C-alpha atoms as a PDB file:
ATOM      1  CA  MET A   1     -14.347 -16.347  16.306  1.00  0.00           C
ATOM      2  CA  ALA A   2     -11.040 -16.901  18.075  1.00  0.00           C
ATOM      3  CA  SER A   3      -9.734 -19.095  15.265  1.00  0.00           C
ATOM      4  CA  ALA A   4     -10.673 -16.469  12.658  1.00  0.00           C
ATOM      5  CA  LEU A   5      -8.857 -13.787  14.644  1.00  0.00           C
ATOM      6  CA  ARG A   6      -5.857 -16.067  15.075  1.00  0.00           C
ATOM      7  CA  ALA A   7      -5.808 -16.819  11.336  1.00  0.00           C
ATOM      8  CA  ALA A   8      -5.997 -13.104  10.500  1.00  0.00           C
ATOM      9  CA  LEU A   9      -3.203 -12.178  12.900  1.00  0.00           C
ATOM     10  CA  LEU A  10      -0.884 -15.150  12.449  1.00  0.00           C
ATOM     11  CA  GLY A  11      -1.985 -16.548   9.112  1.00  0.00           C
ATOM     12  CA  SER A  12      -3.302 -19.774   7.760  1.00  0.00           C
ATOM     13  CA  SER A  13      -0.425 -20.945   5.577  1.00  0.00           C
ATOM     14  CA  ARG A  14      -0.706 -24.548   4.596  1.00  0.00           C
ATOM     15  CA  GLU A  15       3.034 -25.206   4.243  1.00  0.00           C
ATOM     16  CA  ARG A  16       4.724 -25.414   7.621  1.00  0.00           C
ATOM     17  CA  SER A  17       7.444 -27.998   6.921  1.00  0.00           C
ATOM     18  CA  ARG A  18      10.219 -25.673   5.668  1.00  0.00           C
ATOM     19  CA  PRO A  19      11.516 -22.550   7.381  1.00  0.00           C
ATOM     20  CA  SER A  20       8.740 -20.060   7.237  1.00  0.00           C
ATOM     21  CA  ALA A  21       9.084 -16.931   5.148  1.00  0.00           C
ATOM     22  CA  ARG A  22       7.345 -15.051   7.927  1.00  0.00           C
ATOM     23  CA  LEU A  23      10.415 -15.613  10.120  1.00  0.00           C
ATOM     24  CA  VAL A  24      12.952 -14.816   7.412  1.00  0.00           C
ATOM     25  CA  ALA A  25      11.276 -11.760   5.837  1.00  0.00           C
ATOM     26  CA  PRO A  26      11.724  -9.180   8.648  1.00  0.00           C
ATOM     27  CA  PRO A  27      15.477  -9.622   9.228  1.00  0.00           C
ATOM     28  CA  LEU A  28      16.054  -9.961   5.488  1.00  0.00           C
ATOM     29  CA  CYS A  29      14.149  -6.724   4.781  1.00  0.00           C
ATOM     30  CA  PHE A  30      16.100  -4.952   7.528  1.00  0.00           C
ATOM     31  CA  ALA A  31      19.437  -6.106   6.105  1.00  0.00           C
ATOM     32  CA  VAL A  32      18.561  -5.365   2.480  1.00  0.00           C
ATOM     33  CA  VAL A  33      17.276  -1.868   3.267  1.00  0.00           C
ATOM     34  CA  PHE A  34      20.249  -1.048   5.493  1.00  0.00           C
ATOM     35  CA  ALA A  35      22.714  -2.238   2.843  1.00  0.00           C
ATOM     36  CA  ALA A  36      20.845  -0.572  -0.029  1.00  0.00           C
ATOM     37  CA  TYR A  37      20.930   2.821   1.684  1.00  0.00           C
ATOM     38  CA  ALA A  38      24.564   2.281   2.760  1.00  0.00           C
ATOM     39  CA  VAL A  39      25.823   1.624  -0.789  1.00  0.00           C
ATOM     40  CA  GLY A  40      23.572   4.193  -2.439  1.00  0.00           C
ATOM     41  CA  VAL A  41      21.073   1.936  -4.208  1.00  0.00           C
ATOM     42  CA  PHE A  42      18.313   3.583  -2.185  1.00  0.00           C
ATOM     43  CA  ALA A  43      18.555   7.311  -1.612  1.00  0.00           C
ATOM     44  CA  ILE A  44      16.758  10.112   0.179  1.00  0.00           C
ATOM     45  CA  ALA A  45      16.420  13.248  -1.910  1.00  0.00           C
ATOM     46  CA  GLY A  46      16.721  15.499   1.131  1.00  0.00           C
ATOM     47  CA  GLY A  47      14.575  17.530   3.418  1.00  0.00           C
ATOM     48  CA  VAL A  48      12.486  16.187   6.247  1.00  0.00           C
ATOM     49  CA  VAL A  49      11.736  12.509   5.736  1.00  0.00           C
ATOM     50  CA  PHE A  50       8.522  11.191   7.228  1.00  0.00           C
ATOM     51  CA  VAL A  51       8.318   8.043   5.112  1.00  0.00           C
ATOM     52  CA  PRO A  52      11.471   6.677   3.496  1.00  0.00           C
ATOM     53  CA  PHE A  53       9.875   5.609   0.213  1.00  0.00           C
ATOM     54  CA  ASP A  54      12.317   2.896  -0.838  1.00  0.00           C
ATOM     55  CA  ALA A  55      12.271   1.203   2.560  1.00  0.00           C
ATOM     56  CA  ALA A  56       8.499   1.387   2.809  1.00  0.00           C
ATOM     57  CA  ALA A  57       8.044   0.080  -0.741  1.00  0.00           C
ATOM     58  CA  LEU A  58      10.315  -2.910  -0.129  1.00  0.00           C
ATOM     59  CA  GLY A  59       8.542  -3.708   3.130  1.00  0.00           C
ATOM     60  CA  VAL A  60       5.122  -3.418   1.490  1.00  0.00           C
ATOM     61  CA  VAL A  61       6.091  -5.683  -1.415  1.00  0.00           C
ATOM     62  CA  ALA A  62       7.395  -8.295   1.020  1.00  0.00           C
ATOM     63  CA  ALA A  63       4.246  -7.976   3.158  1.00  0.00           C
ATOM     64  CA  VAL A  64       2.005  -8.400   0.088  1.00  0.00           C
ATOM     65  CA  ALA A  65       3.923 -11.568  -0.793  1.00  0.00           C
ATOM     66  CA  LEU A  66       3.506 -12.895   2.746  1.00  0.00           C
ATOM     67  CA  ALA A  67      -0.211 -12.114   2.718  1.00  0.00           C
ATOM     68  CA  TYR A  68      -0.587 -13.783  -0.676  1.00  0.00           C
ATOM     69  CA  ARG A  69       0.825 -16.966   0.811  1.00  0.00           C
ATOM     70  CA  ARG A  70      -1.739 -16.658   3.639  1.00  0.00           C
ATOM     71  CA  ASP A  71       0.474 -15.313   6.397  1.00  0.00           C
ATOM     72  CA  GLY A  72      -1.228 -12.972   8.822  1.00  0.00           C
ATOM     73  CA  LEU A  73      -1.225  -9.332   9.808  1.00  0.00           C
ATOM     74  CA  ILE A  74       1.518  -9.673  12.403  1.00  0.00           C
ATOM     75  CA  PRO A  75       4.122 -10.931   9.899  1.00  0.00           C
ATOM     76  CA  ALA A  76       3.082  -8.135   7.518  1.00  0.00           C
ATOM     77  CA  TRP A  77       3.455  -5.502  10.232  1.00  0.00           C
ATOM     78  CA  LEU A  78       6.814  -6.883  11.387  1.00  0.00           C
ATOM     79  CA  THR A  79       8.167  -7.031   7.844  1.00  0.00           C
ATOM     80  CA  VAL A  80       7.276  -3.424   7.072  1.00  0.00           C
ATOM     81  CA  TYR A  81       8.576  -2.335  10.493  1.00  0.00           C
ATOM     82  CA  ALA A  82      11.878  -4.128   9.902  1.00  0.00           C
ATOM     83  CA  ALA A  83      12.308  -2.428   6.530  1.00  0.00           C
ATOM     84  CA  LEU A  84      11.628   0.976   8.063  1.00  0.00           C
ATOM     85  CA  LEU A  85      14.026   0.163  10.909  1.00  0.00           C
ATOM     86  CA  GLY A  86      16.675  -0.647   8.295  1.00  0.00           C
ATOM     87  CA  TYR A  87      16.430   2.916   7.039  1.00  0.00           C
ATOM     88  CA  SER A  88      16.455   4.285  10.580  1.00  0.00           C
ATOM     89  CA  ALA A  89      19.543   2.224  11.479  1.00  0.00           C
ATOM     90  CA  ASN A  90      21.338   3.448   8.391  1.00  0.00           C
ATOM     91  CA  HIS A  91      20.446   7.058   9.124  1.00  0.00           C
ATOM     92  CA  SER A  92      21.365   6.799  12.794  1.00  0.00           C
ATOM     93  CA  PHE A  93      24.606   4.848  12.539  1.00  0.00           C
ATOM     94  CA  LEU A  94      25.968   5.922   9.150  1.00  0.00           C
ATOM     95  CA  GLY A  95      24.264   9.266   8.599  1.00  0.00           C
ATOM     96  CA  LEU A  96      25.061  10.878  11.936  1.00  0.00           C
ATOM     97  CA  SER A  97      28.803  10.413  11.655  1.00  0.00           C
ATOM     98  CA  GLY A  98      29.700  13.493  13.710  1.00  0.00           C
ATOM     99  CA  ARG A  99      28.268  11.981  16.885  1.00  0.00           C
ATOM    100  CA  SER A 100      29.540   9.343  19.264  1.00  0.00           C
ATOM    101  CA  LEU A 101      28.345   5.756  19.025  1.00  0.00           C
ATOM    102  CA  VAL A 102      26.270   6.215  22.181  1.00  0.00           C
ATOM    103  CA  GLU A 103      24.535   9.263  20.697  1.00  0.00           C
ATOM    104  CA  ARG A 104      23.864   7.396  17.440  1.00  0.00           C
ATOM    105  CA  ALA A 105      22.447   4.424  19.354  1.00  0.00           C
ATOM    106  CA  ALA A 106      20.277   6.783  21.408  1.00  0.00           C
ATOM    107  CA  ALA A 107      18.966   8.371  18.202  1.00  0.00           C
ATOM    108  CA  PHE A 108      18.170   4.929  16.771  1.00  0.00           C
ATOM    109  CA  LEU A 109      16.464   3.714  19.955  1.00  0.00           C
ATOM    110  CA  SER A 110      14.531   6.936  20.520  1.00  0.00           C
ATOM    111  CA  PRO A 111      11.035   5.891  21.657  1.00  0.00           C
ATOM    112  CA  ASP A 112       9.254   8.575  19.649  1.00  0.00           C
ATOM    113  CA  GLY A 113      11.023   7.476  16.470  1.00  0.00           C
ATOM    114  CA  LEU A 114      10.341   3.799  17.121  1.00  0.00           C
ATOM    115  CA  VAL A 115       6.670   4.487  17.826  1.00  0.00           C
ATOM    116  CA  PHE A 116       6.345   6.654  14.716  1.00  0.00           C
ATOM    117  CA  LEU A 117       7.838   3.861  12.580  1.00  0.00           C
ATOM    118  CA  GLY A 118       5.469   1.445  14.302  1.00  0.00           C
ATOM    119  CA  VAL A 119       2.450   3.517  13.325  1.00  0.00           C
ATOM    120  CA  GLU A 120       3.709   3.666   9.739  1.00  0.00           C
ATOM    121  CA  ALA A 121       4.247  -0.095   9.786  1.00  0.00           C
ATOM    122  CA  LEU A 122       0.708  -0.689  11.079  1.00  0.00           C
ATOM    123  CA  VAL A 123      -0.777   1.415   8.281  1.00  0.00           C
ATOM    124  CA  PHE A 124       1.394   0.149   5.415  1.00  0.00           C
ATOM    125  CA  GLY A 125       1.403  -3.434   6.695  1.00  0.00           C
ATOM    126  CA  THR A 126      -2.379  -3.521   6.984  1.00  0.00           C
ATOM    127  CA  VAL A 127      -2.854  -2.168   3.464  1.00  0.00           C
ATOM    128  CA  ALA A 128      -0.265  -4.615   2.107  1.00  0.00           C
ATOM    129  CA  TRP A 129      -1.946  -7.511   3.922  1.00  0.00           C
ATOM    130  CA  LEU A 130      -5.334  -6.545   2.488  1.00  0.00           C
ATOM    131  CA  VAL A 131      -3.917  -6.342  -1.046  1.00  0.00           C
ATOM    132  CA  GLY A 132      -2.113  -9.672  -0.740  1.00  0.00           C
ATOM    133  CA  THR A 133      -5.086 -11.431   0.831  1.00  0.00           C
ATOM    134  CA  LEU A 134      -7.498 -10.094  -1.789  1.00  0.00           C
ATOM    135  CA  ALA A 135      -5.106 -11.164  -4.543  1.00  0.00           C
ATOM    136  CA  ALA A 136      -4.916 -14.680  -3.083  1.00  0.00           C
ATOM    137  CA  VAL A 137      -8.707 -14.888  -2.832  1.00  0.00           C
ATOM    138  CA  ALA A 138      -9.093 -13.658  -6.421  1.00  0.00           C
ATOM    139  CA  VAL A 139      -6.590 -16.199  -7.724  1.00  0.00           C
ATOM    140  CA  ASP A 140      -8.352 -18.982  -5.798  1.00  0.00           C
ATOM    141  CA  ARG A 141     -11.705 -17.977  -7.284  1.00  0.00           C
ATOM    142  CA  VAL A 142     -10.302 -17.939 -10.828  1.00  0.00           C
ATOM    143  CA  ARG A 143      -8.760 -21.378 -10.276  1.00  0.00           C
ATOM    144  CA  GLU A 144     -12.068 -22.700  -8.923  1.00  0.00           C
ATOM    145  CA  ARG A 145     -13.971 -21.365 -11.935  1.00  0.00           C
ATOM    146  CA  ARG A 146     -11.449 -22.827 -14.368  1.00  0.00           C
ATOM    147  CA  GLY A 147     -11.617 -26.151 -12.562  1.00  0.00           C
ATOM    148  CA  ALA A 148     -15.412 -26.106 -12.557  1.00  0.00           C
ATOM    149  CA  SER A 149     -15.610 -25.185 -16.247  1.00  0.00           C
ATOM    150  CA  ALA A 150     -13.041 -27.865 -17.140  1.00  0.00           C
ATOM    151  CA  ALA A 151     -15.018 -30.451 -15.162  1.00  0.00           C
ATOM    152  CA  ALA A 152     -18.251 -29.353 -16.787  1.00  0.00           C
ATOM    153  CA  SER A 153     -16.760 -29.576 -20.281  1.00  0.00           C
ATOM    154  CA  THR A 154     -15.460 -33.123 -19.652  1.00  0.00           C
ATOM    155  CA  THR A 155     -18.850 -34.284 -18.363  1.00  0.00           C
ATOM    156  CA  ARG A 156     -20.520 -32.890 -21.488  1.00  0.00           C
ATOM    157  CA  GLY A 157     -18.019 -34.668 -23.672  1.00  0.00           C
ATOM    158  CA  GLU A 158     -16.444 -31.603 -25.198  1.00  0.00           C
END
């Protein structure tokens, strides 16, 4: 039971020799989202923003990719959280230009905002992990069936 929980939370990737994508994905997502909003590639249409779509979408895509390669829930959650934090950092430090640096940092580090992004990351990261894990299982099953049918056809002499 403990090993199944550990595998679900941390992952069961087979390749551990090179730098793990699970360590690179969160800071990379943060940087890409921050830069994309800063240069205008990603944009907020206006109004009250509960979920910055572009940031969430990038984080979810990265989390699906991590789950597909058998990384766990924690890397998925952290990746989505980092992407959402990238938006929050951009909004706080570049979007609130009329305030002092201390006020912008306080807005960024606001506990209620960080917790709200955390809840979003838990929801989106869990869904992304489920999608990626199910896709990996489906691909494995298709490969097994193809391998079994190829083996069966060679034993029959086809």
